[in-house]
Amino acid sequence: MADVEELIKDNCAEVDVYHINHHGALTSSSSDFMAAIHPTVAISSNGQKHGHPRHEVIANRILTLNQTPQVYLTNKNPKTADGAWEADDEVIADLDYEGYDGMIEVGVWTESYRVWRWRDGAAIGKGDKYAIKVR
């Protein structure tokens, strides 16, 4: 498998929002790549089948950055998902897998953006607000 992250990391700038590669599988989000992009927010579109995102990826590659990004998940991992990262419910969109009704939405304005979790067709709260990085 080609290590695309290694090929592009030197040409990457810091980012505000990072959609975690390959659902947070062990082959994604290398430490060098994460240090190059240094996101404020990381989002994983994950499901219950493969136990993504992996604990090693989130705990050792993303949450160890100097300014720790906030991590959001589309789905809660079942307790049977060995090696999966366990997130707090407040950052998860779909808690029960019934209908796969969870969604993460990012709305962008001039100087800020918000991250909403949607469940059962309704936004949860007013969304978490973040400042856009000045480059």
N, C-alpha and C. Protein backbone atom coordinates (compact mmCIF):
# COMPACT_ATOMS: atom_id res chain seq x y z
N MET A 1 0.84 -1.18 0.00
CA MET A 1 0.00 0.00 0.00
C MET A 1 0.89 1.24 0.00
N ALA A 2 0.59 2.17 -0.87
CA ALA A 2 1.36 3.41 -0.95
C ALA A 2 1.07 4.28 0.27
N ASP A 3 2.10 4.85 0.83
CA ASP A 3 1.96 5.76 1.97
C ASP A 3 1.80 7.18 1.43
N VAL A 4 0.59 7.52 1.04
CA VAL A 4 0.30 8.83 0.44
C VAL A 4 0.60 9.96 1.41
N GLU A 5 0.31 9.75 2.69
CA GLU A 5 0.57 10.79 3.69
C GLU A 5 2.05 11.17 3.71
N GLU A 6 2.92 10.19 3.62
CA GLU A 6 4.36 10.46 3.63
C GLU A 6 4.77 11.25 2.38
N LEU A 7 4.12 10.97 1.26
CA LEU A 7 4.45 11.64 0.01
C LEU A 7 4.04 13.11 0.00
N ILE A 8 2.96 13.46 0.72
CA ILE A 8 2.44 14.83 0.64
C ILE A 8 2.69 15.67 1.88
N LYS A 9 3.14 15.09 2.97
CA LYS A 9 3.22 15.83 4.25
C LYS A 9 4.07 17.09 4.19
N ASP A 10 5.15 17.08 3.40
CA ASP A 10 6.01 18.26 3.32
C ASP A 10 5.37 19.42 2.57
N ASN A 11 4.31 19.14 1.82
CA ASN A 11 3.62 20.17 1.05
C ASN A 11 2.30 20.58 1.70
N CYS A 12 2.04 20.08 2.89
CA CYS A 12 0.78 20.39 3.58
C CYS A 12 0.93 21.58 4.51
N ALA A 13 -0.13 22.34 4.61
CA ALA A 13 -0.19 23.44 5.58
C ALA A 13 -1.11 23.02 6.72
N GLU A 14 -1.11 23.79 7.78
CA GLU A 14 -2.03 23.51 8.87
C GLU A 14 -3.46 23.58 8.37
N VAL A 15 -4.31 22.74 8.94
CA VAL A 15 -5.72 22.72 8.56
C VAL A 15 -6.59 22.94 9.79
N ASP A 16 -7.80 23.37 9.56
CA ASP A 16 -8.75 23.54 10.65
C ASP A 16 -9.48 22.23 10.94
N VAL A 17 -10.02 21.61 9.89
CA VAL A 17 -10.81 20.39 10.06
C VAL A 17 -10.19 19.28 9.22
N TYR A 18 -9.97 18.13 9.85
CA TYR A 18 -9.38 16.97 9.19
C TYR A 18 -10.38 15.83 9.24
N HIS A 19 -10.76 15.33 8.07
CA HIS A 19 -11.59 14.12 8.01
C HIS A 19 -10.62 12.95 8.05
N ILE A 20 -10.63 12.20 9.13
CA ILE A 20 -9.65 11.16 9.38
C ILE A 20 -9.66 10.13 8.24
N ASN A 21 -8.47 9.89 7.68
CA ASN A 21 -8.32 8.94 6.58
C ASN A 21 -8.76 7.54 6.98
N HIS A 22 -9.32 6.83 6.03
CA HIS A 22 -9.67 5.41 6.15
C HIS A 22 -10.34 5.08 7.49
N HIS A 23 -11.26 5.93 7.91
CA HIS A 23 -12.07 5.73 9.12
C HIS A 23 -11.25 5.62 10.40
N GLY A 24 -9.97 5.97 10.34
CA GLY A 24 -9.11 5.85 11.51
C GLY A 24 -8.48 4.47 11.64
N ALA A 25 -8.33 3.76 10.52
CA ALA A 25 -7.66 2.46 10.52
C ALA A 25 -6.19 2.64 10.86
N LEU A 26 -5.51 1.55 11.20
CA LEU A 26 -4.11 1.62 11.60
C LEU A 26 -3.20 2.21 10.53
N THR A 27 -3.62 2.17 9.26
CA THR A 27 -2.80 2.70 8.17
C THR A 27 -3.01 4.19 7.95
N SER A 28 -3.81 4.85 8.78
CA SER A 28 -4.10 6.27 8.55
C SER A 28 -3.45 7.17 9.59
N SER A 29 -3.37 8.43 9.24
CA SER A 29 -3.02 9.49 10.19
C SER A 29 -1.68 9.26 10.87
N SER A 30 -0.63 9.13 10.09
CA SER A 30 0.70 8.93 10.67
C SER A 30 1.07 10.13 11.55
N SER A 31 1.94 9.91 12.49
CA SER A 31 2.37 10.99 13.39
C SER A 31 3.00 12.15 12.62
N ASP A 32 3.81 11.86 11.60
CA ASP A 32 4.43 12.91 10.79
C ASP A 32 3.38 13.73 10.04
N PHE A 33 2.39 13.04 9.48
CA PHE A 33 1.33 13.74 8.75
C PHE A 33 0.51 14.61 9.69
N MET A 34 0.17 14.09 10.85
CA MET A 34 -0.63 14.86 11.81
C MET A 34 0.15 16.10 12.27
N ALA A 35 1.44 15.96 12.49
CA ALA A 35 2.26 17.12 12.89
C ALA A 35 2.32 18.16 11.79
N ALA A 36 2.24 17.73 10.53
CA ALA A 36 2.29 18.67 9.40
C ALA A 36 0.98 19.44 9.26
N ILE A 37 -0.15 18.77 9.46
CA ILE A 37 -1.44 19.45 9.24
C ILE A 37 -2.01 20.06 10.50
N HIS A 38 -1.69 19.52 11.65
CA HIS A 38 -2.07 20.03 12.97
C HIS A 38 -3.51 20.58 13.03
N PRO A 39 -4.51 19.70 12.91
CA PRO A 39 -5.91 20.15 12.88
C PRO A 39 -6.43 20.60 14.24
N THR A 40 -7.44 21.46 14.20
CA THR A 40 -8.16 21.85 15.41
C THR A 40 -9.26 20.84 15.71
N VAL A 41 -9.87 20.31 14.64
CA VAL A 41 -10.95 19.34 14.75
C VAL A 41 -10.62 18.16 13.85
N ALA A 42 -10.89 16.94 14.33
CA ALA A 42 -10.73 15.72 13.53
C ALA A 42 -12.06 14.96 13.58
N ILE A 43 -12.53 14.52 12.41
CA ILE A 43 -13.81 13.84 12.32
C ILE A 43 -13.60 12.47 11.70
N SER A 44 -14.17 11.44 12.34
CA SER A 44 -14.09 10.09 11.80
C SER A 44 -15.48 9.61 11.43
N SER A 45 -15.64 9.24 10.16
CA SER A 45 -16.87 8.57 9.76
C SER A 45 -16.60 7.08 9.96
N ASN A 46 -17.12 6.57 11.04
CA ASN A 46 -16.82 5.21 11.44
C ASN A 46 -18.11 4.41 11.57
N GLY A 47 -17.98 3.13 11.62
CA GLY A 47 -19.13 2.25 11.81
C GLY A 47 -18.79 1.20 12.84
N GLN A 48 -19.69 0.26 13.00
CA GLN A 48 -19.47 -0.74 14.03
C GLN A 48 -18.75 -1.99 13.54
N LYS A 49 -18.64 -2.18 12.25
CA LYS A 49 -18.15 -3.44 11.71
C LYS A 49 -16.67 -3.70 11.98
N HIS A 50 -15.80 -2.71 11.83
CA HIS A 50 -14.36 -2.94 11.93
C HIS A 50 -13.70 -2.30 13.15
N GLY A 51 -14.47 -1.69 14.02
CA GLY A 51 -13.89 -1.10 15.22
C GLY A 51 -13.03 0.11 14.96
N HIS A 52 -13.46 0.96 14.04
CA HIS A 52 -12.75 2.20 13.74
C HIS A 52 -13.41 3.36 14.48
N PRO A 53 -12.69 4.41 14.78
CA PRO A 53 -11.25 4.55 14.61
C PRO A 53 -10.50 3.73 15.66
N ARG A 54 -9.31 3.34 15.31
CA ARG A 54 -8.50 2.51 16.22
C ARG A 54 -7.96 3.38 17.35
N HIS A 55 -7.89 2.79 18.53
CA HIS A 55 -7.39 3.49 19.71
C HIS A 55 -5.98 4.03 19.46
N GLU A 56 -5.13 3.22 18.86
CA GLU A 56 -3.74 3.63 18.61
C GLU A 56 -3.67 4.90 17.76
N VAL A 57 -4.55 5.00 16.77
CA VAL A 57 -4.55 6.17 15.87
C VAL A 57 -4.96 7.42 16.63
N ILE A 58 -6.08 7.36 17.34
CA ILE A 58 -6.59 8.55 18.03
C ILE A 58 -5.69 8.91 19.22
N ALA A 59 -5.43 7.95 20.08
CA ALA A 59 -4.68 8.23 21.32
C ALA A 59 -3.22 8.56 21.07
N ASN A 60 -2.58 7.89 20.13
CA ASN A 60 -1.13 8.04 19.96
C ASN A 60 -0.71 8.96 18.83
N ARG A 61 -1.61 9.25 17.88
CA ARG A 61 -1.21 10.07 16.73
C ARG A 61 -1.96 11.40 16.67
N ILE A 62 -3.17 11.43 17.15
CA ILE A 62 -3.97 12.65 17.05
C ILE A 62 -4.01 13.41 18.38
N LEU A 63 -4.32 12.72 19.45
CA LEU A 63 -4.45 13.39 20.74
C LEU A 63 -3.12 13.74 21.39
N THR A 64 -2.01 13.39 20.77
CA THR A 64 -0.69 13.72 21.32
C THR A 64 -0.11 14.99 20.71
N LEU A 65 -0.85 15.63 19.80
CA LEU A 65 -0.37 16.88 19.20
C LEU A 65 -0.30 17.97 20.27
N ASN A 66 0.57 18.96 20.07
CA ASN A 66 0.75 20.02 21.06
C ASN A 66 -0.56 20.69 21.45
N GLN A 67 -1.35 21.08 20.48
CA GLN A 67 -2.69 21.58 20.75
C GLN A 67 -3.65 20.49 20.32
N THR A 68 -4.20 19.81 21.29
CA THR A 68 -5.01 18.63 21.05
C THR A 68 -6.28 18.96 20.28
N PRO A 69 -6.50 18.31 19.13
CA PRO A 69 -7.73 18.55 18.38
C PRO A 69 -8.94 17.91 19.08
N GLN A 70 -10.10 18.47 18.83
CA GLN A 70 -11.34 17.84 19.28
C GLN A 70 -11.70 16.78 18.26
N VAL A 71 -12.00 15.57 18.70
CA VAL A 71 -12.33 14.47 17.81
C VAL A 71 -13.83 14.19 17.88
N TYR A 72 -14.47 14.10 16.72
CA TYR A 72 -15.89 13.76 16.61
C TYR A 72 -16.03 12.46 15.84
N LEU A 73 -17.04 11.64 16.21
CA LEU A 73 -17.32 10.39 15.53
C LEU A 73 -18.75 10.38 15.02
N THR A 74 -18.95 9.75 13.87
CA THR A 74 -20.33 9.61 13.37
C THR A 74 -21.09 8.54 14.14
N ASN A 75 -20.39 7.51 14.63
CA ASN A 75 -21.05 6.40 15.31
C ASN A 75 -20.32 6.00 16.58
N LYS A 76 -21.09 5.49 17.55
CA LYS A 76 -20.50 4.95 18.78
C LYS A 76 -20.02 3.53 18.50
N ASN A 77 -18.84 3.20 18.97
CA ASN A 77 -18.33 1.85 18.81
C ASN A 77 -18.96 0.92 19.84
N PRO A 78 -19.35 -0.28 19.43
CA PRO A 78 -19.89 -1.22 20.42
C PRO A 78 -18.79 -1.70 21.35
N LYS A 79 -19.15 -2.13 22.52
CA LYS A 79 -18.15 -2.62 23.49
C LYS A 79 -17.38 -3.82 22.96
N THR A 80 -17.92 -4.49 21.94
CA THR A 80 -17.27 -5.67 21.38
C THR A 80 -16.20 -5.32 20.35
N ALA A 81 -16.01 -4.06 20.04
CA ALA A 81 -15.04 -3.65 19.02
C ALA A 81 -13.65 -3.55 19.63
N ASP A 82 -12.94 -4.65 19.65
CA ASP A 82 -11.58 -4.68 20.21
C ASP A 82 -10.67 -3.68 19.52
N GLY A 83 -9.95 -2.89 20.30
CA GLY A 83 -8.98 -1.95 19.76
C GLY A 83 -9.55 -0.64 19.30
N ALA A 84 -10.87 -0.47 19.38
CA ALA A 84 -11.49 0.77 18.94
C ALA A 84 -11.35 1.84 20.02
N TRP A 85 -11.26 3.11 19.59
CA TRP A 85 -11.19 4.23 20.52
C TRP A 85 -12.57 4.49 21.10
N GLU A 86 -12.64 4.64 22.41
CA GLU A 86 -13.90 4.89 23.10
C GLU A 86 -14.05 6.39 23.32
N ALA A 87 -15.03 6.99 22.66
CA ALA A 87 -15.26 8.44 22.78
C ALA A 87 -16.41 8.70 23.74
N ASP A 88 -16.42 9.90 24.32
CA ASP A 88 -17.55 10.32 25.15
C ASP A 88 -18.75 10.57 24.25
N ASP A 89 -19.95 10.31 24.77
CA ASP A 89 -21.17 10.44 23.99
C ASP A 89 -21.37 11.83 23.42
N GLU A 90 -20.85 12.88 24.07
CA GLU A 90 -21.10 14.24 23.59
C GLU A 90 -20.40 14.58 22.28
N VAL A 91 -19.51 13.73 21.80
CA VAL A 91 -18.86 13.98 20.50
C VAL A 91 -19.28 12.97 19.44
N ILE A 92 -20.28 12.16 19.74
CA ILE A 92 -20.76 11.11 18.84
C ILE A 92 -22.13 11.50 18.31
N ALA A 93 -22.33 11.30 17.01
CA ALA A 93 -23.63 11.62 16.41
C ALA A 93 -24.64 10.49 16.61
N ASP A 94 -24.31 9.27 16.24
CA ASP A 94 -25.23 8.14 16.31
C ASP A 94 -24.81 7.21 17.44
N LEU A 95 -25.66 7.08 18.44
CA LEU A 95 -25.32 6.28 19.61
C LEU A 95 -25.80 4.84 19.54
N ASP A 96 -26.75 4.54 18.64
CA ASP A 96 -27.39 3.22 18.72
C ASP A 96 -27.42 2.40 17.44
N TYR A 97 -26.94 2.92 16.34
CA TYR A 97 -26.87 2.23 15.05
C TYR A 97 -28.22 1.95 14.42
N GLU A 98 -29.32 2.34 15.04
CA GLU A 98 -30.63 2.09 14.45
C GLU A 98 -30.87 3.10 13.35
N GLY A 99 -30.83 2.66 12.12
CA GLY A 99 -31.05 3.53 10.97
C GLY A 99 -29.84 4.36 10.59
N TYR A 100 -28.73 4.20 11.30
CA TYR A 100 -27.52 4.99 11.03
C TYR A 100 -27.90 6.46 10.79
N ASP A 101 -28.53 7.05 11.77
CA ASP A 101 -29.09 8.40 11.63
C ASP A 101 -28.18 9.51 12.12
N GLY A 102 -26.94 9.21 12.44
CA GLY A 102 -26.03 10.24 12.93
C GLY A 102 -25.28 10.93 11.82
N MET A 103 -25.01 12.22 12.00
CA MET A 103 -24.29 13.00 11.00
C MET A 103 -23.48 14.09 11.70
N ILE A 104 -22.31 14.40 11.15
CA ILE A 104 -21.49 15.51 11.62
C ILE A 104 -21.55 16.57 10.52
N GLU A 105 -21.84 17.81 10.89
CA GLU A 105 -21.92 18.91 9.93
C GLU A 105 -20.96 20.01 10.34
N VAL A 106 -20.28 20.58 9.36
CA VAL A 106 -19.39 21.71 9.60
C VAL A 106 -19.92 22.90 8.81
N GLY A 107 -20.23 24.00 9.50
CA GLY A 107 -20.67 25.24 8.87
C GLY A 107 -19.57 26.28 9.00
N VAL A 108 -19.21 26.93 7.90
CA VAL A 108 -18.07 27.85 7.88
C VAL A 108 -18.53 29.28 7.63
N TRP A 109 -17.98 30.22 8.41
CA TRP A 109 -18.20 31.64 8.23
C TRP A 109 -16.86 32.31 7.95
N THR A 110 -16.82 33.61 7.97
CA THR A 110 -15.62 34.35 7.63
C THR A 110 -14.45 34.05 8.56
N GLU A 111 -14.69 34.08 9.85
CA GLU A 111 -13.60 33.91 10.82
C GLU A 111 -13.78 32.72 11.75
N SER A 112 -14.87 31.98 11.59
CA SER A 112 -15.12 30.87 12.48
C SER A 112 -15.90 29.77 11.76
N TYR A 113 -16.02 28.65 12.44
CA TYR A 113 -16.87 27.55 11.95
C TYR A 113 -17.47 26.84 13.16
N ARG A 114 -18.55 26.12 12.90
CA ARG A 114 -19.21 25.34 13.95
C ARG A 114 -19.29 23.89 13.51
N VAL A 115 -19.24 23.02 14.49
CA VAL A 115 -19.40 21.59 14.25
C VAL A 115 -20.65 21.15 15.00
N TRP A 116 -21.61 20.61 14.23
CA TRP A 116 -22.84 20.09 14.83
C TRP A 116 -22.88 18.58 14.71
N ARG A 117 -23.49 17.98 15.70
CA ARG A 117 -23.86 16.56 15.62
C ARG A 117 -25.35 16.53 15.38
N TRP A 118 -25.77 15.68 14.47
CA TRP A 118 -27.19 15.49 14.15
C TRP A 118 -27.58 14.07 14.52
N ARG A 119 -28.73 13.94 15.15
CA ARG A 119 -29.24 12.62 15.52
C ARG A 119 -30.74 12.63 15.32
N ASP A 120 -31.24 11.60 14.69
CA ASP A 120 -32.69 11.49 14.42
C ASP A 120 -33.22 12.71 13.70
N GLY A 121 -32.44 13.27 12.79
CA GLY A 121 -32.88 14.40 11.98
C GLY A 121 -32.87 15.75 12.66
N ALA A 122 -32.30 15.83 13.86
CA ALA A 122 -32.28 17.11 14.59
C ALA A 122 -30.86 17.43 15.07
N ALA A 123 -30.52 18.71 15.02
CA ALA A 123 -29.21 19.14 15.51
C ALA A 123 -29.18 19.02 17.03
N ILE A 124 -28.04 18.60 17.55
CA ILE A 124 -27.86 18.48 18.99
C ILE A 124 -27.14 19.74 19.46
N GLY A 125 -27.84 20.59 20.16
CA GLY A 125 -27.24 21.82 20.67
C GLY A 125 -27.01 22.85 19.58
N LYS A 126 -26.25 23.88 19.91
CA LYS A 126 -25.97 24.98 19.00
C LYS A 126 -24.67 24.77 18.22
N GLY A 127 -24.04 23.65 18.40
CA GLY A 127 -22.78 23.37 17.72
C GLY A 127 -21.61 23.97 18.46
N ASP A 128 -20.48 23.33 18.33
CA ASP A 128 -19.25 23.80 18.95
C ASP A 128 -18.57 24.78 18.01
N LYS A 129 -18.19 25.96 18.51
CA LYS A 129 -17.62 27.01 17.68
C LYS A 129 -16.09 27.03 17.80
N TYR A 130 -15.44 27.22 16.65
CA TYR A 130 -13.98 27.27 16.59
C TYR A 130 -13.57 28.45 15.71
N ALA A 131 -12.44 29.04 16.01
CA ALA A 131 -11.89 30.13 15.18
C ALA A 131 -11.10 29.53 14.03
N ILE A 132 -11.23 30.13 12.85
CA ILE A 132 -10.43 29.71 11.71
C ILE A 132 -8.99 30.19 11.94
N LYS A 133 -8.05 29.33 11.66
CA LYS A 133 -6.64 29.66 11.85
C LYS A 133 -6.23 30.76 10.87
N VAL A 134 -5.46 31.72 11.35
CA VAL A 134 -4.95 32.80 10.50
C VAL A 134 -3.64 32.30 9.90
N ARG A 135 -3.54 32.40 8.60
CA ARG A 135 -2.33 31.91 7.93
C ARG A 135 -1.47 33.05 7.47
